[in-house]
Amino acid sequence: MGVKRYMLRSNGLLAAICALVFLAGCGGDDFSVKTVTVSGKVTIGGQPAKGVNVHFLHEKASGFGKTDDSGSFKLIQGAVPGENRVYFTVTSGDNKFDNPEGGMDAGQLQAMAQAAPPGSAAAKKLGVGIPPEFSDPAKTQLKFTVPPSGSDAANFELPKF
């Protein structure tokens, strides 16, 4: 009886140790990205920028919003606190693909715009009219530091182009 009791106790202890190791491994990395609310206004040459797609890029995630008639926007998914690169695109014509909740997302639209031959009807429709220093995520020099509490003052004044 003593050997069986020892074996059961040993197996129970081993199972408890394995469970603890497993649970410790499960809680280690948190893969969810915390975002906060970001909104603001975009103007071009002092005038409200209507229908401009606003993109915030952080190393962990990106945020997207679209300006209304007054140039105001609110990022749909919010943005990651810290420094974000900012760029803008414009789509015109058929809006069925310009809906991140029900159609193509901002990244897909940007890829299509960059792949279209310069000056082509497709390039114009996808809004390659904004200069690369404001529309290309790799070339933009615009940055916005998102505070941990979010911001309603992400305002951008672009020159007329």
C-alpha atoms as a PDB file:
ATOM      1  CA  MET A   1       0.000   0.000   0.000  1.00  0.00           C
ATOM      2  CA  GLY A   2       2.789   2.407   0.765  1.00  0.00           C
ATOM      3  CA  VAL A   3       4.199   2.210  -2.782  1.00  0.00           C
ATOM      4  CA  LYS A   4       0.786   2.861  -4.382  1.00  0.00           C
ATOM      5  CA  ARG A   5       0.151   5.806  -2.117  1.00  0.00           C
ATOM      6  CA  TYR A   6       3.607   7.202  -2.937  1.00  0.00           C
ATOM      7  CA  MET A   7       2.984   6.731  -6.708  1.00  0.00           C
ATOM      8  CA  LEU A   8      -0.410   8.450  -6.526  1.00  0.00           C
ATOM      9  CA  ARG A   9       1.046  11.324  -4.537  1.00  0.00           C
ATOM     10  CA  SER A  10       3.988  11.624  -6.973  1.00  0.00           C
ATOM     11  CA  ASN A  11       1.690  11.558 -10.023  1.00  0.00           C
ATOM     12  CA  GLY A  12      -0.583  14.158  -8.433  1.00  0.00           C
ATOM     13  CA  LEU A  13       2.369  16.396  -7.660  1.00  0.00           C
ATOM     14  CA  LEU A  14       3.723  15.983 -11.188  1.00  0.00           C
ATOM     15  CA  ALA A  15       0.312  16.835 -12.672  1.00  0.00           C
ATOM     16  CA  ALA A  16       0.070  19.947 -10.487  1.00  0.00           C
ATOM     17  CA  ILE A  17       3.545  21.116 -11.545  1.00  0.00           C
ATOM     18  CA  CYS A  18       2.712  20.554 -15.229  1.00  0.00           C
ATOM     19  CA  ALA A  19      -0.531  22.513 -14.845  1.00  0.00           C
ATOM     20  CA  LEU A  20       1.295  25.424 -13.199  1.00  0.00           C
ATOM     21  CA  VAL A  21       3.954  25.499 -15.939  1.00  0.00           C
ATOM     22  CA  PHE A  22       1.251  25.411 -18.611  1.00  0.00           C
ATOM     23  CA  LEU A  23      -0.749  28.221 -16.996  1.00  0.00           C
ATOM     24  CA  ALA A  24       2.346  30.359 -16.513  1.00  0.00           C
ATOM     25  CA  GLY A  25       3.177  29.954 -20.199  1.00  0.00           C
ATOM     26  CA  CYS A  26      -0.345  30.936 -21.264  1.00  0.00           C
ATOM     27  CA  GLY A  27      -0.330  34.237 -19.441  1.00  0.00           C
ATOM     28  CA  GLY A  28       3.071  35.495 -20.566  1.00  0.00           C
ATOM     29  CA  ASP A  29       2.651  37.557 -23.720  1.00  0.00           C
ATOM     30  CA  ASP A  30      -0.356  39.759 -24.267  1.00  0.00           C
ATOM     31  CA  PHE A  31      -0.921  39.897 -28.011  1.00  0.00           C
ATOM     32  CA  SER A  32      -3.792  42.375 -27.847  1.00  0.00           C
ATOM     33  CA  VAL A  33      -2.922  45.911 -28.839  1.00  0.00           C
ATOM     34  CA  LYS A  34      -4.372  48.670 -26.695  1.00  0.00           C
ATOM     35  CA  THR A  35      -5.704  51.627 -28.679  1.00  0.00           C
ATOM     36  CA  VAL A  36      -7.172  54.954 -27.640  1.00  0.00           C
ATOM     37  CA  THR A  37      -9.615  57.334 -29.288  1.00  0.00           C
ATOM     38  CA  VAL A  38      -8.091  59.840 -31.716  1.00  0.00           C
ATOM     39  CA  SER A  39      -9.908  62.558 -33.628  1.00  0.00           C
ATOM     40  CA  GLY A  40      -9.047  65.881 -35.192  1.00  0.00           C
ATOM     41  CA  LYS A  41      -9.289  67.977 -38.311  1.00  0.00           C
ATOM     42  CA  VAL A  42      -7.481  68.087 -41.645  1.00  0.00           C
ATOM     43  CA  THR A  43      -7.248  71.212 -43.778  1.00  0.00           C
ATOM     44  CA  ILE A  44      -5.602  71.726 -47.146  1.00  0.00           C
ATOM     45  CA  GLY A  45      -4.554  75.273 -47.903  1.00  0.00           C
ATOM     46  CA  GLY A  46      -6.678  76.492 -45.002  1.00  0.00           C
ATOM     47  CA  GLN A  47      -9.848  74.810 -46.287  1.00  0.00           C
ATOM     48  CA  PRO A  48     -11.522  71.736 -44.715  1.00  0.00           C
ATOM     49  CA  ALA A  49     -10.296  68.550 -46.402  1.00  0.00           C
ATOM     50  CA  LYS A  50     -13.486  66.680 -47.289  1.00  0.00           C
ATOM     51  CA  GLY A  51     -13.347  62.919 -47.917  1.00  0.00           C
ATOM     52  CA  VAL A  52      -9.679  62.441 -47.018  1.00  0.00           C
ATOM     53  CA  ASN A  53      -8.603  59.094 -45.567  1.00  0.00           C
ATOM     54  CA  VAL A  54      -6.434  59.604 -42.481  1.00  0.00           C
ATOM     55  CA  HIS A  55      -3.978  56.818 -41.610  1.00  0.00           C
ATOM     56  CA  PHE A  56      -2.029  56.462 -38.346  1.00  0.00           C
ATOM     57  CA  LEU A  57       0.810  53.911 -38.387  1.00  0.00           C
ATOM     58  CA  HIS A  58       2.451  52.544 -35.270  1.00  0.00           C
ATOM     59  CA  GLU A  59       4.831  49.583 -35.164  1.00  0.00           C
ATOM     60  CA  LYS A  60       2.112  47.548 -33.415  1.00  0.00           C
ATOM     61  CA  ALA A  61      -1.030  48.567 -35.347  1.00  0.00           C
ATOM     62  CA  SER A  62      -2.615  51.112 -37.640  1.00  0.00           C
ATOM     63  CA  GLY A  63      -5.674  53.327 -37.371  1.00  0.00           C
ATOM     64  CA  PHE A  64      -7.925  54.701 -40.103  1.00  0.00           C
ATOM     65  CA  GLY A  65     -10.574  57.390 -40.366  1.00  0.00           C
ATOM     66  CA  LYS A  66     -12.188  59.568 -43.002  1.00  0.00           C
ATOM     67  CA  THR A  67     -12.841  63.295 -42.889  1.00  0.00           C
ATOM     68  CA  ASP A  68     -16.363  64.651 -43.132  1.00  0.00           C
ATOM     69  CA  ASP A  69     -17.477  67.865 -44.884  1.00  0.00           C
ATOM     70  CA  SER A  70     -15.846  69.996 -42.170  1.00  0.00           C
ATOM     71  CA  GLY A  71     -12.511  68.124 -42.384  1.00  0.00           C
ATOM     72  CA  SER A  72     -13.099  66.423 -39.030  1.00  0.00           C
ATOM     73  CA  PHE A  73     -12.244  62.755 -38.526  1.00  0.00           C
ATOM     74  CA  LYS A  74     -12.271  60.062 -35.863  1.00  0.00           C
ATOM     75  CA  LEU A  75     -10.121  56.939 -36.227  1.00  0.00           C
ATOM     76  CA  ILE A  76     -12.392  53.902 -36.413  1.00  0.00           C
ATOM     77  CA  GLN A  77     -10.092  51.552 -34.486  1.00  0.00           C
ATOM     78  CA  GLY A  78      -8.310  54.299 -32.570  1.00  0.00           C
ATOM     79  CA  ALA A  79      -4.511  54.477 -32.437  1.00  0.00           C
ATOM     80  CA  VAL A  80      -1.733  53.008 -30.337  1.00  0.00           C
ATOM     81  CA  PRO A  81      -0.361  55.500 -27.787  1.00  0.00           C
ATOM     82  CA  GLY A  82       3.088  56.804 -28.707  1.00  0.00           C
ATOM     83  CA  GLU A  83       4.569  58.101 -31.917  1.00  0.00           C
ATOM     84  CA  ASN A  84       2.556  57.332 -35.069  1.00  0.00           C
ATOM     85  CA  ARG A  85       3.431  58.167 -38.668  1.00  0.00           C
ATOM     86  CA  VAL A  86       0.529  59.867 -40.417  1.00  0.00           C
ATOM     87  CA  TYR A  87      -0.407  59.867 -44.087  1.00  0.00           C
ATOM     88  CA  PHE A  88      -3.435  60.747 -46.180  1.00  0.00           C
ATOM     89  CA  THR A  89      -5.154  59.294 -49.242  1.00  0.00           C
ATOM     90  CA  VAL A  90      -8.197  60.294 -51.212  1.00  0.00           C
ATOM     91  CA  THR A  91     -10.538  58.037 -53.092  1.00  0.00           C
ATOM     92  CA  SER A  92     -13.034  59.400 -55.516  1.00  0.00           C
ATOM     93  CA  GLY A  93     -15.906  58.065 -57.556  1.00  0.00           C
ATOM     94  CA  ASP A  94     -17.483  54.800 -56.466  1.00  0.00           C
ATOM     95  CA  ASN A  95     -17.270  54.567 -52.672  1.00  0.00           C
ATOM     96  CA  LYS A  96     -18.229  50.904 -52.411  1.00  0.00           C
ATOM     97  CA  PHE A  97     -14.586  49.964 -51.800  1.00  0.00           C
ATOM     98  CA  ASP A  98     -13.864  52.856 -49.466  1.00  0.00           C
ATOM     99  CA  ASN A  99     -15.403  51.336 -46.375  1.00  0.00           C
ATOM    100  CA  PRO A 100     -13.090  49.551 -43.927  1.00  0.00           C
ATOM    101  CA  GLU A 101     -16.094  48.066 -42.125  1.00  0.00           C
ATOM    102  CA  GLY A 102     -17.716  46.553 -45.222  1.00  0.00           C
ATOM    103  CA  GLY A 103     -15.208  46.641 -48.088  1.00  0.00           C
ATOM    104  CA  MET A 104     -11.518  47.061 -48.714  1.00  0.00           C
ATOM    105  CA  ASP A 105      -9.413  48.371 -45.902  1.00  0.00           C
ATOM    106  CA  ALA A 106      -7.070  51.340 -46.120  1.00  0.00           C
ATOM    107  CA  GLY A 107      -4.007  49.155 -46.747  1.00  0.00           C
ATOM    108  CA  GLN A 108      -5.646  47.446 -49.714  1.00  0.00           C
ATOM    109  CA  LEU A 109      -6.656  50.803 -51.200  1.00  0.00           C
ATOM    110  CA  GLN A 110      -3.115  52.138 -50.723  1.00  0.00           C
ATOM    111  CA  ALA A 111      -1.600  49.059 -52.388  1.00  0.00           C
ATOM    112  CA  MET A 112      -3.938  49.456 -55.363  1.00  0.00           C
ATOM    113  CA  ALA A 113      -3.060  53.136 -55.653  1.00  0.00           C
ATOM    114  CA  GLN A 114       0.677  52.439 -55.589  1.00  0.00           C
ATOM    115  CA  ALA A 115       0.362  49.653 -58.177  1.00  0.00           C
ATOM    116  CA  ALA A 116      -1.640  51.771 -60.635  1.00  0.00           C
ATOM    117  CA  PRO A 117       0.396  53.360 -63.455  1.00  0.00           C
ATOM    118  CA  PRO A 118       1.033  57.063 -62.683  1.00  0.00           C
ATOM    119  CA  GLY A 119      -1.449  59.341 -64.425  1.00  0.00           C
ATOM    120  CA  SER A 120      -3.797  56.489 -65.301  1.00  0.00           C
ATOM    121  CA  ALA A 121      -7.528  56.700 -64.696  1.00  0.00           C
ATOM    122  CA  ALA A 122      -7.151  54.038 -61.990  1.00  0.00           C
ATOM    123  CA  ALA A 123      -4.454  56.084 -60.227  1.00  0.00           C
ATOM    124  CA  LYS A 124      -6.630  59.200 -60.303  1.00  0.00           C
ATOM    125  CA  LYS A 125      -9.672  57.294 -59.057  1.00  0.00           C
ATOM    126  CA  LEU A 126      -7.661  55.855 -56.176  1.00  0.00           C
ATOM    127  CA  GLY A 127      -6.378  59.284 -55.220  1.00  0.00           C
ATOM    128  CA  VAL A 128      -2.710  59.335 -56.079  1.00  0.00           C
ATOM    129  CA  GLY A 129      -3.079  63.136 -56.400  1.00  0.00           C
ATOM    130  CA  ILE A 130      -1.726  63.816 -52.902  1.00  0.00           C
ATOM    131  CA  PRO A 131       2.058  64.281 -52.970  1.00  0.00           C
ATOM    132  CA  PRO A 132       4.069  61.303 -51.653  1.00  0.00           C
ATOM    133  CA  GLU A 133       5.402  63.247 -48.675  1.00  0.00           C
ATOM    134  CA  PHE A 134       1.824  63.219 -47.381  1.00  0.00           C
ATOM    135  CA  SER A 135       0.358  60.079 -49.026  1.00  0.00           C
ATOM    136  CA  ASP A 136       3.077  57.432 -48.998  1.00  0.00           C
ATOM    137  CA  PRO A 137       3.426  55.574 -45.676  1.00  0.00           C
ATOM    138  CA  ALA A 138       7.137  54.977 -46.379  1.00  0.00           C
ATOM    139  CA  LYS A 139       7.892  58.618 -47.265  1.00  0.00           C
ATOM    140  CA  THR A 140       5.680  60.607 -44.918  1.00  0.00           C
ATOM    141  CA  GLN A 141       7.467  62.820 -42.434  1.00  0.00           C
ATOM    142  CA  LEU A 142       4.254  63.636 -40.574  1.00  0.00           C
ATOM    143  CA  LYS A 143       4.125  62.259 -37.057  1.00  0.00           C
ATOM    144  CA  PHE A 144       1.707  62.554 -34.192  1.00  0.00           C
ATOM    145  CA  THR A 145       2.401  61.449 -30.644  1.00  0.00           C
ATOM    146  CA  VAL A 146      -0.771  59.903 -29.264  1.00  0.00           C
ATOM    147  CA  PRO A 147      -1.086  60.384 -25.500  1.00  0.00           C
ATOM    148  CA  PRO A 148      -2.100  57.393 -23.343  1.00  0.00           C
ATOM    149  CA  SER A 149      -5.500  59.015 -22.782  1.00  0.00           C
ATOM    150  CA  GLY A 150      -6.150  59.624 -26.509  1.00  0.00           C
ATOM    151  CA  SER A 151      -6.584  62.940 -28.281  1.00  0.00           C
ATOM    152  CA  ASP A 152      -9.232  65.074 -29.913  1.00  0.00           C
ATOM    153  CA  ALA A 153      -6.620  67.518 -31.211  1.00  0.00           C
ATOM    154  CA  ALA A 154      -4.907  65.547 -33.997  1.00  0.00           C
ATOM    155  CA  ASN A 155      -5.053  68.496 -36.398  1.00  0.00           C
ATOM    156  CA  PHE A 156      -3.134  68.655 -39.659  1.00  0.00           C
ATOM    157  CA  GLU A 157      -2.706  71.687 -41.945  1.00  0.00           C
ATOM    158  CA  LEU A 158      -1.493  70.546 -45.361  1.00  0.00           C
ATOM    159  CA  PRO A 159      -0.346  72.997 -48.042  1.00  0.00           C
ATOM    160  CA  LYS A 160      -2.462  73.389 -51.164  1.00  0.00           C
ATOM    161  CA  PHE A 161      -1.281  71.036 -53.904  1.00  0.00           C
END
